[in-house]
């Protein structure tokens, strides 16, 4: 039986590519995408959940998986303020990591922007 992968940030450029790669990977049986808006997908492997990232704990059951790919991020311009950008780039990432760890996820892969510190 294949592994289950979670992708947060699946609507962005990198996230879409990660999902596309996971769909073609024979070792992956299921891909759970957690997004702010619905994401249509032609693959039976993909299960999309529309979530409020500020209340990510409400979707704790969705974190029962083997792998977590975090492609979630924003720009200052998109976020509108440094505080809002921090919520997306740090707080939501940390919440997802904690939920995944509590559910036994063993691999967490974080995609960050170049030059981030």
PDB file of N, CA and C in Angstrom:
ATOM      1  N   UNK A   1       0.840  -1.187   0.000  1.00  0.00           N
ATOM      2  CA  UNK A   1       0.000   0.000   0.000  1.00  0.00           C
ATOM      3  C   UNK A   1       0.879   1.242   0.000  1.00  0.00           C
ATOM      4  N   UNK A   2       0.513   2.241  -0.781  1.00  0.00           N
ATOM      5  CA  UNK A   2       1.311   3.451  -0.910  1.00  0.00           C
ATOM      6  C   UNK A   2       1.131   4.405   0.244  1.00  0.00           C
ATOM      7  N   UNK A   3       1.931   5.430   0.228  1.00  0.00           N
ATOM      8  CA  UNK A   3       1.910   6.446   1.275  1.00  0.00           C
ATOM      9  C   UNK A   3       0.870   7.522   0.989  1.00  0.00           C
ATOM     10  N   UNK A   4       0.548   8.247   2.062  1.00  0.00           N
ATOM     11  CA  UNK A   4      -0.349   9.392   1.960  1.00  0.00           C
ATOM     12  C   UNK A   4       0.468  10.655   2.166  1.00  0.00           C
ATOM     13  N   UNK A   5       0.273  11.615   1.269  1.00  0.00           N
ATOM     14  CA  UNK A   5       0.967  12.898   1.353  1.00  0.00           C
ATOM     15  C   UNK A   5      -0.053  14.013   1.519  1.00  0.00           C
ATOM     16  N   UNK A   6       0.291  14.978   2.349  1.00  0.00           N
ATOM     17  CA  UNK A   6      -0.516  16.189   2.535  1.00  0.00           C
ATOM     18  C   UNK A   6       0.233  17.321   1.847  1.00  0.00           C
ATOM     19  N   UNK A   7      -0.506  18.188   1.164  1.00  0.00           N
ATOM     20  CA  UNK A   7       0.102  19.379   0.572  1.00  0.00           C
ATOM     21  C   UNK A   7      -0.710  20.582   1.029  1.00  0.00           C
ATOM     22  N   UNK A   8      -0.045  21.504   1.736  1.00  0.00           N
ATOM     23  CA  UNK A   8      -0.677  22.789   2.025  1.00  0.00           C
ATOM     24  C   UNK A   8      -0.014  23.806   1.111  1.00  0.00           C
ATOM     25  N   UNK A   9      -0.809  24.735   0.622  1.00  0.00           N
ATOM     26  CA  UNK A   9      -0.301  25.674  -0.361  1.00  0.00           C
ATOM     27  C   UNK A   9      -0.387  25.092  -1.771  1.00  0.00           C
ATOM     28  N   UNK A  10      -1.331  24.200  -1.974  1.00  0.00           N
ATOM     29  CA  UNK A  10      -1.462  23.494  -3.254  1.00  0.00           C
ATOM     30  C   UNK A  10      -2.001  24.359  -4.378  1.00  0.00           C
ATOM     31  N   UNK A  11      -2.434  25.584  -4.085  1.00  0.00           N
ATOM     32  CA  UNK A  11      -2.953  26.458  -5.145  1.00  0.00           C
ATOM     33  C   UNK A  11      -1.871  27.339  -5.738  1.00  0.00           C
ATOM     34  N   UNK A  12      -0.728  27.409  -5.098  1.00  0.00           N
ATOM     35  CA  UNK A  12       0.363  28.244  -5.600  1.00  0.00           C
ATOM     36  C   UNK A  12       1.149  27.551  -6.693  1.00  0.00           C
ATOM     37  N   UNK A  13       2.077  28.264  -7.266  1.00  0.00           N
ATOM     38  CA  UNK A  13       2.885  27.749  -8.366  1.00  0.00           C
ATOM     39  C   UNK A  13       3.627  26.478  -7.956  1.00  0.00           C
ATOM     40  N   UNK A  14       4.334  26.528  -6.850  1.00  0.00           N
ATOM     41  CA  UNK A  14       5.104  25.370  -6.390  1.00  0.00           C
ATOM     42  C   UNK A  14       4.174  24.258  -5.926  1.00  0.00           C
ATOM     43  N   UNK A  15       3.162  24.608  -5.167  1.00  0.00           N
ATOM     44  CA  UNK A  15       2.225  23.605  -4.659  1.00  0.00           C
ATOM     45  C   UNK A  15       1.544  22.817  -5.755  1.00  0.00           C
ATOM     46  N   UNK A  16       1.138  23.491  -6.819  1.00  0.00           N
ATOM     47  CA  UNK A  16       0.507  22.789  -7.952  1.00  0.00           C
ATOM     48  C   UNK A  16       1.471  21.789  -8.569  1.00  0.00           C
ATOM     49  N   UNK A  17       2.740  22.176  -8.685  1.00  0.00           N
ATOM     50  CA  UNK A  17       3.740  21.280  -9.257  1.00  0.00           C
ATOM     51  C   UNK A  17       4.013  20.090  -8.342  1.00  0.00           C
ATOM     52  N   UNK A  18       4.048  20.334  -7.042  1.00  0.00           N
ATOM     53  CA  UNK A  18       4.251  19.241  -6.090  1.00  0.00           C
ATOM     54  C   UNK A  18       3.108  18.232  -6.202  1.00  0.00           C
ATOM     55  N   UNK A  19       1.875  18.720  -6.242  1.00  0.00           N
ATOM     56  CA  UNK A  19       0.713  17.832  -6.385  1.00  0.00           C
ATOM     57  C   UNK A  19       0.813  17.044  -7.685  1.00  0.00           C
ATOM     58  N   UNK A  20       1.167  17.698  -8.776  1.00  0.00           N
ATOM     59  CA  UNK A  20       1.286  17.016 -10.064  1.00  0.00           C
ATOM     60  C   UNK A  20       2.323  15.894 -10.001  1.00  0.00           C
ATOM     61  N   UNK A  21       3.439  16.153  -9.335  1.00  0.00           N
ATOM     62  CA  UNK A  21       4.475  15.124  -9.188  1.00  0.00           C
ATOM     63  C   UNK A  21       4.002  13.965  -8.306  1.00  0.00           C
ATOM     64  N   UNK A  22       3.320  14.298  -7.217  1.00  0.00           N
ATOM     65  CA  UNK A  22       2.836  13.261  -6.310  1.00  0.00           C
ATOM     66  C   UNK A  22       1.813  12.356  -6.993  1.00  0.00           C
ATOM     67  N   UNK A  23       0.990  12.934  -7.846  1.00  0.00           N
ATOM     68  CA  UNK A  23      -0.012  12.145  -8.563  1.00  0.00           C
ATOM     69  C   UNK A  23       0.653  11.074  -9.430  1.00  0.00           C
ATOM     70  N   UNK A  24       1.779  11.408 -10.020  1.00  0.00           N
ATOM     71  CA  UNK A  24       2.458  10.459 -10.908  1.00  0.00           C
ATOM     72  C   UNK A  24       3.359   9.484 -10.166  1.00  0.00           C
ATOM     73  N   UNK A  25       3.609   9.725  -8.909  1.00  0.00           N
ATOM     74  CA  UNK A  25       4.511   8.886  -8.118  1.00  0.00           C
ATOM     75  C   UNK A  25       3.805   7.602  -7.676  1.00  0.00           C
ATOM     76  N   UNK A  26       4.354   6.471  -8.063  1.00  0.00           N
ATOM     77  CA  UNK A  26       3.747   5.175  -7.718  1.00  0.00           C
ATOM     78  C   UNK A  26       3.745   4.902  -6.222  1.00  0.00           C
ATOM     79  N   UNK A  27       4.686   5.473  -5.488  1.00  0.00           N
ATOM     80  CA  UNK A  27       4.777   5.242  -4.042  1.00  0.00           C
ATOM     81  C   UNK A  27       3.696   5.988  -3.267  1.00  0.00           C
ATOM     82  N   UNK A  28       3.024   6.932  -3.911  1.00  0.00           N
ATOM     83  CA  UNK A  28       1.986   7.741  -3.260  1.00  0.00           C
ATOM     84  C   UNK A  28       0.614   7.237  -3.677  1.00  0.00           C
ATOM     85  N   UNK A  29      -0.167   6.810  -2.702  1.00  0.00           N
ATOM     86  CA  UNK A  29      -1.515   6.301  -2.976  1.00  0.00           C
ATOM     87  C   UNK A  29      -2.577   7.390  -2.857  1.00  0.00           C
ATOM     88  N   UNK A  30      -2.292   8.386  -2.018  1.00  0.00           N
ATOM     89  CA  UNK A  30      -3.309   9.406  -1.716  1.00  0.00           C
ATOM     90  C   UNK A  30      -2.633  10.745  -1.475  1.00  0.00           C
ATOM     91  N   UNK A  31      -3.244  11.815  -1.992  1.00  0.00           N
ATOM     92  CA  UNK A  31      -2.743  13.166  -1.788  1.00  0.00           C
ATOM     93  C   UNK A  31      -3.877  13.993  -1.192  1.00  0.00           C
ATOM     94  N   UNK A  32      -3.642  14.517  -0.003  1.00  0.00           N
ATOM     95  CA  UNK A  32      -4.619  15.367   0.670  1.00  0.00           C
ATOM     96  C   UNK A  32      -4.155  16.806   0.483  1.00  0.00           C
ATOM     97  N   UNK A  33      -4.995  17.626  -0.141  1.00  0.00           N
ATOM     98  CA  UNK A  33      -4.653  19.037  -0.293  1.00  0.00           C
ATOM     99  C   UNK A  33      -5.550  19.862   0.623  1.00  0.00           C
ATOM    100  N   UNK A  34      -4.922  20.756   1.365  1.00  0.00           N
ATOM    101  CA  UNK A  34      -5.638  21.675   2.252  1.00  0.00           C
ATOM    102  C   UNK A  34      -5.468  23.064   1.662  1.00  0.00           C
ATOM    103  N   UNK A  35      -6.589  23.662   1.260  1.00  0.00           N
ATOM    104  CA  UNK A  35      -6.552  24.920   0.528  1.00  0.00           C
ATOM    105  C   UNK A  35      -7.603  25.889   1.046  1.00  0.00           C
ATOM    106  N   UNK A  36      -7.452  27.166   0.682  1.00  0.00           N
ATOM    107  CA  UNK A  36      -8.436  28.189   1.061  1.00  0.00           C
ATOM    108  C   UNK A  36      -9.645  28.185   0.143  1.00  0.00           C
ATOM    109  N   UNK A  37      -9.468  27.672  -1.057  1.00  0.00           N
ATOM    110  CA  UNK A  37     -10.573  27.602  -2.020  1.00  0.00           C
ATOM    111  C   UNK A  37     -10.530  26.240  -2.710  1.00  0.00           C
ATOM    112  N   UNK A  38     -11.642  25.790  -3.264  1.00  0.00           N
ATOM    113  CA  UNK A  38     -11.666  24.473  -3.913  1.00  0.00           C
ATOM    114  C   UNK A  38     -10.664  24.386  -5.069  1.00  0.00           C
ATOM    115  N   UNK A  39     -10.046  23.237  -5.179  1.00  0.00           N
ATOM    116  CA  UNK A  39      -9.096  22.985  -6.251  1.00  0.00           C
ATOM    117  C   UNK A  39      -9.553  21.747  -7.009  1.00  0.00           C
ATOM    118  N   UNK A  40     -10.062  21.938  -8.213  1.00  0.00           N
ATOM    119  CA  UNK A  40     -10.474  20.774  -8.987  1.00  0.00           C
ATOM    120  C   UNK A  40      -9.252  19.975  -9.430  1.00  0.00           C
ATOM    121  N   UNK A  41      -9.388  18.672  -9.455  1.00  0.00           N
ATOM    122  CA  UNK A  41      -8.292  17.809  -9.882  1.00  0.00           C
ATOM    123  C   UNK A  41      -8.881  16.579 -10.546  1.00  0.00           C
ATOM    124  N   UNK A  42      -8.237  16.140 -11.612  1.00  0.00           N
ATOM    125  CA  UNK A  42      -8.731  14.993 -12.370  1.00  0.00           C
ATOM    126  C   UNK A  42      -8.277  13.656 -11.797  1.00  0.00           C
ATOM    127  N   UNK A  43      -7.434  13.661 -10.801  1.00  0.00           N
ATOM    128  CA  UNK A  43      -6.898  12.419 -10.258  1.00  0.00           C
ATOM    129  C   UNK A  43      -7.735  11.905  -9.090  1.00  0.00           C
ATOM    130  N   UNK A  44      -7.970  10.606  -9.093  1.00  0.00           N
ATOM    131  CA  UNK A  44      -8.664   9.971  -7.976  1.00  0.00           C
ATOM    132  C   UNK A  44      -7.807   9.938  -6.714  1.00  0.00           C
ATOM    133  N   UNK A  45      -6.513  10.171  -6.864  1.00  0.00           N
ATOM    134  CA  UNK A  45      -5.607  10.177  -5.713  1.00  0.00           C
ATOM    135  C   UNK A  45      -5.817  11.392  -4.819  1.00  0.00           C
ATOM    136  N   UNK A  46      -6.335  12.479  -5.386  1.00  0.00           N
ATOM    137  CA  UNK A  46      -6.379  13.764  -4.668  1.00  0.00           C
ATOM    138  C   UNK A  46      -7.702  13.965  -3.949  1.00  0.00           C
ATOM    139  N   UNK A  47      -7.569  14.336  -2.687  1.00  0.00           N
ATOM    140  CA  UNK A  47      -8.714  14.650  -1.821  1.00  0.00           C
ATOM    141  C   UNK A  47      -8.508  16.081  -1.334  1.00  0.00           C
ATOM    142  N   UNK A  48      -9.343  16.992  -1.794  1.00  0.00           N
ATOM    143  CA  UNK A  48      -9.189  18.407  -1.453  1.00  0.00           C
ATOM    144  C   UNK A  48     -10.115  18.793  -0.305  1.00  0.00           C
ATOM    145  N   UNK A  49      -9.551  19.514   0.667  1.00  0.00           N
ATOM    146  CA  UNK A  49     -10.322  20.050   1.787  1.00  0.00           C
ATOM    147  C   UNK A  49     -10.128  21.558   1.812  1.00  0.00           C
ATOM    148  N   UNK A  50     -11.221  22.286   1.794  1.00  0.00           N
ATOM    149  CA  UNK A  50     -11.160  23.746   1.913  1.00  0.00           C
ATOM    150  C   UNK A  50     -11.170  24.066   3.399  1.00  0.00           C
ATOM    151  N   UNK A  51     -10.122  24.759   3.854  1.00  0.00           N
ATOM    152  CA  UNK A  51      -9.944  25.002   5.279  1.00  0.00           C
ATOM    153  C   UNK A  51      -9.723  26.482   5.569  1.00  0.00           C
ATOM    154  N   UNK A  52      -9.936  26.833   6.811  1.00  0.00           N
ATOM    155  CA  UNK A  52      -9.566  28.145   7.333  1.00  0.00           C
ATOM    156  C   UNK A  52      -8.249  27.925   8.073  1.00  0.00           C
ATOM    157  N   UNK A  53      -7.155  28.406   7.527  1.00  0.00           N
ATOM    158  CA  UNK A  53      -5.849  28.142   8.130  1.00  0.00           C
ATOM    159  C   UNK A  53      -5.720  28.733   9.528  1.00  0.00           C
ATOM    160  N   UNK A  54      -6.520  29.728   9.865  1.00  0.00           N
ATOM    161  CA  UNK A  54      -6.506  30.288  11.214  1.00  0.00           C
ATOM    162  C   UNK A  54      -7.132  29.323  12.214  1.00  0.00           C
ATOM    163  N   UNK A  55      -7.881  28.341  11.718  1.00  0.00           N
ATOM    164  CA  UNK A  55      -8.526  27.331  12.566  1.00  0.00           C
ATOM    165  C   UNK A  55      -8.135  25.935  12.092  1.00  0.00           C
ATOM    166  N   UNK A  56      -6.879  25.757  11.762  1.00  0.00           N
ATOM    167  CA  UNK A  56      -6.390  24.514  11.180  1.00  0.00           C
ATOM    168  C   UNK A  56      -6.627  23.307  12.078  1.00  0.00           C
ATOM    169  N   UNK A  57      -6.665  23.548  13.378  1.00  0.00           N
ATOM    170  CA  UNK A  57      -6.900  22.447  14.317  1.00  0.00           C
ATOM    171  C   UNK A  57      -8.258  21.775  14.081  1.00  0.00           C
ATOM    172  N   UNK A  58      -9.196  22.480  13.459  1.00  0.00           N
ATOM    173  CA  UNK A  58     -10.501  21.881  13.146  1.00  0.00           C
ATOM    174  C   UNK A  58     -10.383  20.765  12.116  1.00  0.00           C
ATOM    175  N   UNK A  59      -9.272  20.724  11.399  1.00  0.00           N
ATOM    176  CA  UNK A  59      -9.035  19.702  10.379  1.00  0.00           C
ATOM    177  C   UNK A  59      -7.900  18.762  10.784  1.00  0.00           C
ATOM    178  N   UNK A  60      -7.719  18.563  12.068  1.00  0.00           N
ATOM    179  CA  UNK A  60      -6.627  17.727  12.569  1.00  0.00           C
ATOM    180  C   UNK A  60      -6.662  16.322  11.974  1.00  0.00           C
ATOM    181  N   UNK A  61      -7.845  15.787  11.754  1.00  0.00           N
ATOM    182  CA  UNK A  61      -7.956  14.436  11.190  1.00  0.00           C
ATOM    183  C   UNK A  61      -7.362  14.334   9.794  1.00  0.00           C
ATOM    184  N   UNK A  62      -7.303  15.440   9.074  1.00  0.00           N
ATOM    185  CA  UNK A  62      -6.729  15.443   7.721  1.00  0.00           C
ATOM    186  C   UNK A  62      -5.214  15.262   7.740  1.00  0.00           C
ATOM    187  N   UNK A  63      -4.612  15.351   8.907  1.00  0.00           N
ATOM    188  CA  UNK A  63      -3.165  15.237   9.022  1.00  0.00           C
ATOM    189  C   UNK A  63      -2.699  13.812   9.308  1.00  0.00           C
ATOM    190  N   UNK A  64      -3.552  12.842   9.106  1.00  0.00           N
ATOM    191  CA  UNK A  64      -3.159  11.446   9.248  1.00  0.00           C
ATOM    192  C   UNK A  64      -2.525  11.024   7.927  1.00  0.00           C
ATOM    193  N   UNK A  65      -1.202  11.078   7.882  1.00  0.00           N
ATOM    194  CA  UNK A  65      -0.481  10.826   6.639  1.00  0.00           C
ATOM    195  C   UNK A  65       0.958  10.433   6.951  1.00  0.00           C
ATOM    196  N   UNK A  66       1.711  10.227   5.897  1.00  0.00           N
ATOM    197  CA  UNK A  66       3.128   9.886   6.027  1.00  0.00           C
ATOM    198  C   UNK A  66       4.034  11.084   5.780  1.00  0.00           C
ATOM    199  N   UNK A  67       3.594  11.969   4.880  1.00  0.00           N
ATOM    200  CA  UNK A  67       4.419  13.086   4.433  1.00  0.00           C
ATOM    201  C   UNK A  67       3.608  14.377   4.455  1.00  0.00           C
ATOM    202  N   UNK A  68       4.264  15.469   4.804  1.00  0.00           N
ATOM    203  CA  UNK A  68       3.641  16.793   4.720  1.00  0.00           C
ATOM    204  C   UNK A  68       4.533  17.681   3.869  1.00  0.00           C
ATOM    205  N   UNK A  69       3.991  18.167   2.766  1.00  0.00           N
ATOM    206  CA  UNK A  69       4.672  19.124   1.907  1.00  0.00           C
ATOM    207  C   UNK A  69       4.042  20.484   2.176  1.00  0.00           C
ATOM    208  N   UNK A  70       4.831  21.410   2.680  1.00  0.00           N
ATOM    209  CA  UNK A  70       4.314  22.730   2.978  1.00  0.00           C
ATOM    210  C   UNK A  70       4.835  23.724   1.955  1.00  0.00           C
ATOM    211  N   UNK A  71       3.947  24.136   1.077  1.00  0.00           N
ATOM    212  CA  UNK A  71       4.265  25.100   0.024  1.00  0.00           C
ATOM    213  C   UNK A  71       3.513  26.398   0.266  1.00  0.00           C
ATOM    214  N   UNK A  72       3.035  26.560   1.465  1.00  0.00           N
ATOM    215  CA  UNK A  72       2.218  27.711   1.834  1.00  0.00           C
ATOM    216  C   UNK A  72       3.099  28.938   2.014  1.00  0.00           C
ATOM    217  N   UNK A  73       2.695  30.032   1.437  1.00  0.00           N
ATOM    218  CA  UNK A  73       3.449  31.265   1.602  1.00  0.00           C
ATOM    219  C   UNK A  73       2.760  32.411   0.894  1.00  0.00           C
ATOM    220  N   UNK A  74       3.188  33.597   1.212  1.00  0.00           N
ATOM    221  CA  UNK A  74       2.618  34.784   0.589  1.00  0.00           C
ATOM    222  C   UNK A  74       3.682  35.860   0.506  1.00  0.00           C
ATOM    223  N   UNK A  75       3.339  36.932  -0.133  1.00  0.00           N
ATOM    224  CA  UNK A  75       4.225  38.097  -0.197  1.00  0.00           C
ATOM    225  C   UNK A  75       3.641  39.198   0.678  1.00  0.00           C
ATOM    226  N   UNK A  76       4.460  40.148   1.015  1.00  0.00           N
ATOM    227  CA  UNK A  76       3.989  41.282   1.809  1.00  0.00           C
ATOM    228  C   UNK A  76       2.878  42.016   1.066  1.00  0.00           C
ATOM    229  N   UNK A  77       3.043  42.162  -0.229  1.00  0.00           N
ATOM    230  CA  UNK A  77       2.035  42.858  -1.030  1.00  0.00           C
ATOM    231  C   UNK A  77       0.703  42.116  -1.004  1.00  0.00           C
ATOM    232  N   UNK A  78       0.736  40.793  -1.184  1.00  0.00           N
ATOM    233  CA  UNK A  78      -0.501  40.001  -1.162  1.00  0.00           C
ATOM    234  C   UNK A  78      -1.141  39.995   0.222  1.00  0.00           C
ATOM    235  N   UNK A  79      -0.308  39.893   1.250  1.00  0.00           N
ATOM    236  CA  UNK A  79      -0.817  39.803   2.614  1.00  0.00           C
ATOM    237  C   UNK A  79      -1.382  41.142   3.100  1.00  0.00           C
ATOM    238  N   UNK A  80      -0.780  42.214   2.674  1.00  0.00           N
ATOM    239  CA  UNK A  80      -1.271  43.520   3.070  1.00  0.00           C
ATOM    240  C   UNK A  80      -0.578  44.127   4.271  1.00  0.00           C
ATOM    241  N   UNK A  81       0.064  43.311   5.072  1.00  0.00           N
ATOM    242  CA  UNK A  81       0.827  43.813   6.221  1.00  0.00           C
ATOM    243  C   UNK A  81       1.841  42.757   6.636  1.00  0.00           C
ATOM    244  N   UNK A  82       2.847  43.201   7.353  1.00  0.00           N
ATOM    245  CA  UNK A  82       3.871  42.280   7.841  1.00  0.00           C
ATOM    246  C   UNK A  82       3.257  41.264   8.803  1.00  0.00           C
ATOM    247  N   UNK A  83       2.320  41.716   9.624  1.00  0.00           N
ATOM    248  CA  UNK A  83       1.646  40.819  10.576  1.00  0.00           C
ATOM    249  C   UNK A  83       0.865  39.728   9.840  1.00  0.00           C
ATOM    250  N   UNK A  84       0.147  40.102   8.800  1.00  0.00           N
ATOM    251  CA  UNK A  84      -0.623  39.124   8.019  1.00  0.00           C
ATOM    252  C   UNK A  84       0.305  38.160   7.288  1.00  0.00           C
ATOM    253  N   UNK A  85       1.425  38.670   6.780  1.00  0.00           N
ATOM    254  CA  UNK A  85       2.383  37.795   6.111  1.00  0.00           C
ATOM    255  C   UNK A  85       2.986  36.803   7.103  1.00  0.00           C
ATOM    256  N   UNK A  86       3.288  37.268   8.298  1.00  0.00           N
ATOM    257  CA  UNK A  86       3.848  36.389   9.328  1.00  0.00           C
ATOM    258  C   UNK A  86       2.876  35.261   9.678  1.00  0.00           C
ATOM    259  N   UNK A  87       1.568  35.579   9.734  1.00  0.00           N
ATOM    260  CA  UNK A  87       0.575  34.541  10.031  1.00  0.00           C
ATOM    261  C   UNK A  87       0.644  33.415   9.011  1.00  0.00           C
ATOM    262  N   UNK A  88       0.753  33.784   7.743  1.00  0.00           N
ATOM    263  CA  UNK A  88       0.801  32.766   6.683  1.00  0.00           C
ATOM    264  C   UNK A  88       2.137  32.049   6.664  1.00  0.00           C
ATOM    265  N   UNK A  89       3.212  32.812   6.643  1.00  0.00           N
ATOM    266  CA  UNK A  89       4.538  32.234   6.448  1.00  0.00           C
ATOM    267  C   UNK A  89       5.121  31.545   7.674  1.00  0.00           C
ATOM    268  N   UNK A  90       4.657  31.902   8.854  1.00  0.00           N
ATOM    269  CA  UNK A  90       5.216  31.290  10.068  1.00  0.00           C
ATOM    270  C   UNK A  90       4.139  30.589  10.895  1.00  0.00           C
ATOM    271  N   UNK A  91       3.110  31.317  11.296  1.00  0.00           N
ATOM    272  CA  UNK A  91       2.118  30.757  12.220  1.00  0.00           C
ATOM    273  C   UNK A  91       1.371  29.558  11.624  1.00  0.00           C
ATOM    274  N   UNK A  92       0.899  29.687  10.385  1.00  0.00           N
ATOM    275  CA  UNK A  92       0.173  28.567   9.764  1.00  0.00           C
ATOM    276  C   UNK A  92       1.104  27.385   9.511  1.00  0.00           C
ATOM    277  N   UNK A  93       2.347  27.671   9.177  1.00  0.00           N
ATOM    278  CA  UNK A  93       3.339  26.604   8.979  1.00  0.00           C
ATOM    279  C   UNK A  93       3.549  25.833  10.290  1.00  0.00           C
ATOM    280  N   UNK A  94       3.703  26.565  11.363  1.00  0.00           N
ATOM    281  CA  UNK A  94       3.941  25.937  12.664  1.00  0.00           C
ATOM    282  C   UNK A  94       2.725  25.124  13.102  1.00  0.00           C
ATOM    283  N   UNK A  95       1.533  25.647  12.898  1.00  0.00           N
ATOM    284  CA  UNK A  95       0.310  24.904  13.246  1.00  0.00           C
ATOM    285  C   UNK A  95       0.235  23.594  12.466  1.00  0.00           C
ATOM    286  N   UNK A  96       0.512  23.666  11.176  1.00  0.00           N
ATOM    287  CA  UNK A  96       0.475  22.460  10.345  1.00  0.00           C
ATOM    288  C   UNK A  96       1.519  21.450  10.807  1.00  0.00           C
ATOM    289  N   UNK A  97       2.718  21.908  11.117  1.00  0.00           N
ATOM    290  CA  UNK A  97       3.779  21.013  11.579  1.00  0.00           C
ATOM    291  C   UNK A  97       3.396  20.330  12.891  1.00  0.00           C
ATOM    292  N   UNK A  98       2.824  21.073  13.802  1.00  0.00           N
ATOM    293  CA  UNK A  98       2.414  20.495  15.094  1.00  0.00           C
ATOM    294  C   UNK A  98       1.295  19.472  14.921  1.00  0.00           C
ATOM    295  N   UNK A  99       0.306  19.793  14.085  1.00  0.00           N
ATOM    296  CA  UNK A  99      -0.795  18.855  13.840  1.00  0.00           C
ATOM    297  C   UNK A  99      -0.271  17.586  13.179  1.00  0.00           C
ATOM    298  N   UNK A 100       0.618  17.749  12.227  1.00  0.00           N
ATOM    299  CA  UNK A 100       1.181  16.594  11.539  1.00  0.00           C
ATOM    300  C   UNK A 100       1.983  15.723  12.506  1.00  0.00           C
ATOM    301  N   UNK A 101       2.789  16.342  13.327  1.00  0.00           N
ATOM    302  CA  UNK A 101       3.582  15.583  14.303  1.00  0.00           C
ATOM    303  C   UNK A 101       2.679  14.825  15.277  1.00  0.00           C
ATOM    304  N   UNK A 102       1.611  15.472  15.715  1.00  0.00           N
ATOM    305  CA  UNK A 102       0.673  14.821  16.647  1.00  0.00           C
ATOM    306  C   UNK A 102      -0.018  13.619  16.005  1.00  0.00           C
ATOM    307  N   UNK A 103      -0.162  13.639  14.680  1.00  0.00           N
ATOM    308  CA  UNK A 103      -0.808  12.538  13.969  1.00  0.00           C
ATOM    309  C   UNK A 103       0.204  11.490  13.493  1.00  0.00           C
ATOM    310  N   UNK A 104       1.474  11.684  13.781  1.00  0.00           N
ATOM    311  CA  UNK A 104       2.483  10.693  13.435  1.00  0.00           C
ATOM    312  C   UNK A 104       3.137  10.856  12.077  1.00  0.00           C
ATOM    313  N   UNK A 105       2.969  12.017  11.448  1.00  0.00           N
ATOM    314  CA  UNK A 105       3.646  12.267  10.171  1.00  0.00           C
ATOM    315  C   UNK A 105       5.153  12.260  10.433  1.00  0.00           C
ATOM    316  N   UNK A 106       5.881  11.494   9.625  1.00  0.00           N
ATOM    317  CA  UNK A 106       7.313  11.324   9.880  1.00  0.00           C
ATOM    318  C   UNK A 106       8.207  12.200   9.019  1.00  0.00           C
ATOM    319  N   UNK A 107       7.676  12.780   7.948  1.00  0.00           N
ATOM    320  CA  UNK A 107       8.480  13.619   7.067  1.00  0.00           C
ATOM    321  C   UNK A 107       7.744  14.925   6.772  1.00  0.00           C
ATOM    322  N   UNK A 108       8.432  16.037   7.048  1.00  0.00           N
ATOM    323  CA  UNK A 108       7.883  17.363   6.804  1.00  0.00           C
ATOM    324  C   UNK A 108       8.830  18.081   5.856  1.00  0.00           C
ATOM    325  N   UNK A 109       8.327  18.448   4.708  1.00  0.00           N
ATOM    326  CA  UNK A 109       9.144  19.116   3.703  1.00  0.00           C
ATOM    327  C   UNK A 109       8.596  20.526   3.495  1.00  0.00           C
ATOM    328  N   UNK A 110       9.410  21.522   3.781  1.00  0.00           N
ATOM    329  CA  UNK A 110       8.997  22.925   3.714  1.00  0.00           C
ATOM    330  C   UNK A 110       9.688  23.601   2.540  1.00  0.00           C
ATOM    331  N   UNK A 111       8.881  24.198   1.680  1.00  0.00           N
ATOM    332  CA  UNK A 111       9.415  24.987   0.572  1.00  0.00           C
ATOM    333  C   UNK A 111       9.351  26.438   1.012  1.00  0.00           C
ATOM    334  N   UNK A 112      10.491  27.114   0.932  1.00  0.00           N
ATOM    335  CA  UNK A 112      10.559  28.515   1.314  1.00  0.00           C
ATOM    336  C   UNK A 112      11.039  29.329   0.123  1.00  0.00           C
ATOM    337  N   UNK A 113      10.924  30.622   0.221  1.00  0.00           N
ATOM    338  CA  UNK A 113      11.412  31.470  -0.855  1.00  0.00           C
ATOM    339  C   UNK A 113      12.921  31.658  -0.736  1.00  0.00           C
ATOM    340  N   UNK A 114      13.556  31.924  -1.854  1.00  0.00           N
ATOM    341  CA  UNK A 114      14.991  32.149  -1.814  1.00  0.00           C
ATOM    342  C   UNK A 114      15.266  33.439  -1.019  1.00  0.00           C
ATOM    343  N   UNK A 115      16.291  33.401  -0.226  1.00  0.00           N
ATOM    344  CA  UNK A 115      16.653  34.572   0.556  1.00  0.00           C
ATOM    345  C   UNK A 115      15.900  34.707   1.867  1.00  0.00           C
ATOM    346  N   UNK A 116      14.979  33.797   2.151  1.00  0.00           N
ATOM    347  CA  UNK A 116      14.227  33.871   3.413  1.00  0.00           C
ATOM    348  C   UNK A 116      15.186  33.592   4.567  1.00  0.00           C
ATOM    349  N   UNK A 117      14.908  34.235   5.698  1.00  0.00           N
ATOM    350  CA  UNK A 117      15.736  33.952   6.870  1.00  0.00           C
ATOM    351  C   UNK A 117      14.863  33.884   8.116  1.00  0.00           C
TER     352      UNK A 117
END
